[in-house]
N, C-alpha and C. Protein backbone atom coordinates (compact mmCIF):
# COMPACT_ATOMS: atom_id res chain seq x y z
N MET A 1 95.90 106.34 77.78
CA MET A 1 96.31 107.01 78.93
C MET A 1 97.76 107.00 79.09
N THR A 2 98.30 108.23 79.42
CA THR A 2 99.67 108.43 79.62
C THR A 2 99.98 108.11 81.16
N ASP A 3 101.27 108.21 81.41
CA ASP A 3 101.77 108.07 82.88
C ASP A 3 101.26 109.11 83.63
N ASP A 4 101.19 110.39 82.86
CA ASP A 4 100.65 111.57 83.68
C ASP A 4 99.22 111.66 84.24
N ASP A 5 98.51 110.65 83.37
CA ASP A 5 96.94 110.52 83.49
C ASP A 5 96.66 109.78 84.95
N VAL A 6 97.65 109.11 85.38
CA VAL A 6 97.26 108.13 86.54
C VAL A 6 97.32 108.84 87.84
N ASP A 7 96.21 108.57 88.56
CA ASP A 7 96.02 109.17 89.80
C ASP A 7 97.14 108.48 90.91
N ARG A 8 97.86 109.36 91.66
CA ARG A 8 98.94 109.00 92.45
C ARG A 8 98.51 108.87 94.09
N CYS A 9 99.29 108.11 94.84
CA CYS A 9 99.09 108.08 96.02
C CYS A 9 99.34 109.53 96.73
N SER A 10 98.68 109.83 97.67
CA SER A 10 98.79 111.16 98.47
C SER A 10 99.77 111.04 99.44
N ALA A 11 100.57 110.09 99.80
CA ALA A 11 101.74 110.07 100.55
C ALA A 11 102.77 110.82 100.10
N LYS A 12 103.45 111.60 100.88
CA LYS A 12 104.56 112.46 100.54
C LYS A 12 105.66 111.69 99.90
N GLY A 13 105.91 112.04 98.66
CA GLY A 13 107.08 111.49 97.73
C GLY A 13 106.62 110.23 97.06
N CYS A 14 105.44 109.66 97.24
CA CYS A 14 105.12 108.47 96.83
C CYS A 14 104.43 108.77 95.29
N GLN A 15 105.08 107.94 94.28
CA GLN A 15 104.54 108.18 92.98
C GLN A 15 103.78 107.01 92.44
N SER A 16 103.46 106.06 93.32
CA SER A 16 102.66 104.66 93.00
C SER A 16 101.22 105.08 92.68
N PRO A 17 100.72 104.41 91.78
CA PRO A 17 99.23 104.54 91.42
C PRO A 17 98.29 104.27 92.47
N ALA A 18 97.26 105.10 92.66
CA ALA A 18 96.22 105.00 93.77
C ALA A 18 95.44 103.76 93.57
N VAL A 19 95.24 103.16 94.56
CA VAL A 19 94.32 101.99 94.59
C VAL A 19 93.18 102.06 95.58
N TRP A 20 93.32 102.93 96.56
CA TRP A 20 92.36 103.22 97.68
C TRP A 20 91.99 104.72 97.63
N ALA A 21 90.71 105.04 97.90
CA ALA A 21 90.30 106.37 98.31
C ALA A 21 89.98 106.48 99.84
N LEU A 22 90.67 107.16 100.49
CA LEU A 22 90.48 107.47 101.99
C LEU A 22 89.49 108.76 101.97
N LEU A 23 88.19 108.43 102.52
CA LEU A 23 87.19 109.49 102.66
C LEU A 23 87.20 110.20 104.06
N TRP A 24 87.28 111.37 104.16
CA TRP A 24 87.59 112.00 105.49
C TRP A 24 86.87 113.44 105.51
N ASN A 25 86.67 113.98 106.69
CA ASN A 25 86.35 115.27 106.76
C ASN A 25 86.97 115.85 108.27
N ASN A 26 87.09 116.94 108.35
CA ASN A 26 87.36 117.64 109.66
C ASN A 26 86.28 118.17 110.15
N PRO A 27 85.58 117.76 111.20
CA PRO A 27 84.45 118.24 111.67
C PRO A 27 84.24 119.60 112.25
N LYS A 28 85.53 120.17 112.45
CA LYS A 28 85.56 121.65 112.88
C LYS A 28 85.45 122.49 111.66
N LEU A 29 85.71 122.01 110.48
CA LEU A 29 85.79 122.74 109.28
C LEU A 29 84.71 122.42 108.16
N HIS A 30 84.31 121.20 108.23
CA HIS A 30 83.49 120.75 107.21
C HIS A 30 82.06 120.29 107.71
N THR A 31 81.04 120.35 106.97
CA THR A 31 79.75 119.80 107.52
C THR A 31 79.76 118.27 107.39
N PRO A 32 78.95 117.77 108.21
CA PRO A 32 79.11 116.20 108.38
C PRO A 32 78.91 115.43 107.19
N GLU A 33 78.25 115.78 106.17
CA GLU A 33 78.23 115.27 104.92
C GLU A 33 79.43 115.32 103.76
N ARG A 34 80.21 116.30 104.06
CA ARG A 34 81.23 116.60 103.20
C ARG A 34 82.35 115.53 103.25
N ARG A 35 82.87 115.07 102.20
CA ARG A 35 83.86 114.25 102.18
C ARG A 35 85.08 114.67 101.26
N LYS A 36 86.16 114.77 101.99
CA LYS A 36 87.56 115.10 101.24
C LYS A 36 88.11 113.73 101.00
N THR A 37 89.04 113.65 100.03
CA THR A 37 89.74 112.35 99.50
C THR A 37 91.23 112.45 99.40
N TRP A 38 91.72 111.46 100.13
CA TRP A 38 93.10 111.22 99.81
C TRP A 38 93.31 109.99 99.21
N LEU A 39 94.27 109.82 98.24
CA LEU A 39 94.38 108.55 97.52
C LEU A 39 95.48 107.84 98.09
N ALA A 40 95.52 106.46 98.08
CA ALA A 40 96.63 105.68 98.79
C ALA A 40 96.85 104.50 97.83
N CYS A 41 98.04 104.15 97.83
CA CYS A 41 98.72 102.91 97.17
C CYS A 41 98.39 101.87 98.40
N ASP A 42 98.58 100.49 97.85
CA ASP A 42 98.62 99.51 99.00
C ASP A 42 99.63 99.76 100.06
N GLU A 43 100.84 100.21 99.92
CA GLU A 43 101.77 100.35 100.80
C GLU A 43 101.53 101.49 101.82
N HIS A 44 100.80 102.51 101.47
CA HIS A 44 100.49 103.59 102.36
C HIS A 44 99.00 103.71 102.83
N ARG A 45 98.26 102.66 102.43
CA ARG A 45 96.96 102.86 103.04
C ARG A 45 96.72 102.70 104.50
N THR A 46 97.46 101.96 105.13
CA THR A 46 97.49 101.75 106.53
C THR A 46 97.98 103.15 107.21
N SER A 47 99.10 103.63 106.81
CA SER A 47 99.74 104.80 107.44
C SER A 47 98.84 105.95 107.25
N LEU A 48 98.34 106.23 106.00
CA LEU A 48 97.48 107.39 105.92
C LEU A 48 96.09 107.36 106.62
N SER A 49 95.53 106.00 106.76
CA SER A 49 94.38 105.81 107.43
C SER A 49 94.64 105.95 108.94
N ASP A 50 95.76 105.47 109.46
CA ASP A 50 95.99 105.90 110.82
C ASP A 50 96.18 107.27 111.14
N PHE A 51 96.77 107.94 110.34
CA PHE A 51 96.98 109.40 110.41
C PHE A 51 95.66 110.00 110.72
N LEU A 52 94.76 109.75 109.56
CA LEU A 52 93.31 110.35 109.64
C LEU A 52 92.64 109.78 110.88
N GLY A 53 92.67 108.64 111.19
CA GLY A 53 91.84 108.04 112.11
C GLY A 53 92.21 108.34 113.55
N ALA A 54 93.57 108.79 113.71
CA ALA A 54 94.04 109.31 115.11
C ALA A 54 93.40 110.65 115.40
N ARG A 55 92.95 111.36 114.45
CA ARG A 55 92.42 112.76 114.50
C ARG A 55 91.02 112.52 114.56
N GLY A 56 90.41 111.48 114.31
CA GLY A 56 88.87 111.44 114.22
C GLY A 56 88.45 111.78 112.89
N PHE A 57 89.26 111.97 111.97
CA PHE A 57 88.57 112.40 110.57
C PHE A 57 88.19 111.32 109.38
N LEU A 58 88.85 109.97 109.67
CA LEU A 58 88.57 108.95 108.73
C LEU A 58 87.17 108.69 108.78
N LYS A 59 86.41 108.61 107.61
CA LYS A 59 85.11 108.09 107.50
C LYS A 59 84.92 106.81 106.81
N ASP A 60 85.72 106.55 105.78
CA ASP A 60 85.56 105.40 104.96
C ASP A 60 86.88 105.28 104.23
N VAL A 61 87.11 103.93 103.85
CA VAL A 61 88.20 103.61 102.75
C VAL A 61 87.49 102.68 101.83
N VAL A 62 87.58 103.11 100.56
CA VAL A 62 86.88 102.34 99.42
C VAL A 62 87.93 102.33 98.29
N ALA A 63 87.64 101.25 97.38
CA ALA A 63 88.53 101.20 96.35
C ALA A 63 88.51 102.32 95.34
N HIS A 64 89.59 102.83 95.01
CA HIS A 64 89.63 104.00 93.99
C HIS A 64 89.33 103.56 92.61
N VAL A 65 88.44 104.26 92.04
CA VAL A 65 87.96 104.10 90.66
C VAL A 65 88.33 105.27 89.92
N PRO A 66 89.25 105.25 88.99
CA PRO A 66 89.67 106.52 88.32
C PRO A 66 88.45 107.00 87.50
N PRO A 67 88.44 108.40 87.40
CA PRO A 67 87.32 108.85 86.58
C PRO A 67 87.49 108.45 85.11
N GLY A 68 86.48 108.48 84.28
CA GLY A 68 86.72 108.15 82.85
C GLY A 68 85.86 107.10 82.49
């Protein structure tokens, strides 16, 4: 695996490897079962969760398991 193959945190400008998957949806745009994913490192897990949670979008936070 190369450095380019590592899933990165979704926070703007962050290049840290993803550790968490934040599962969310916008009920005005998505069906209730639909889940979009933002990835987060340990440092940005709370801020990204708070951002989604304040809008009522956050559905779950789970450990990120890279594909493969």
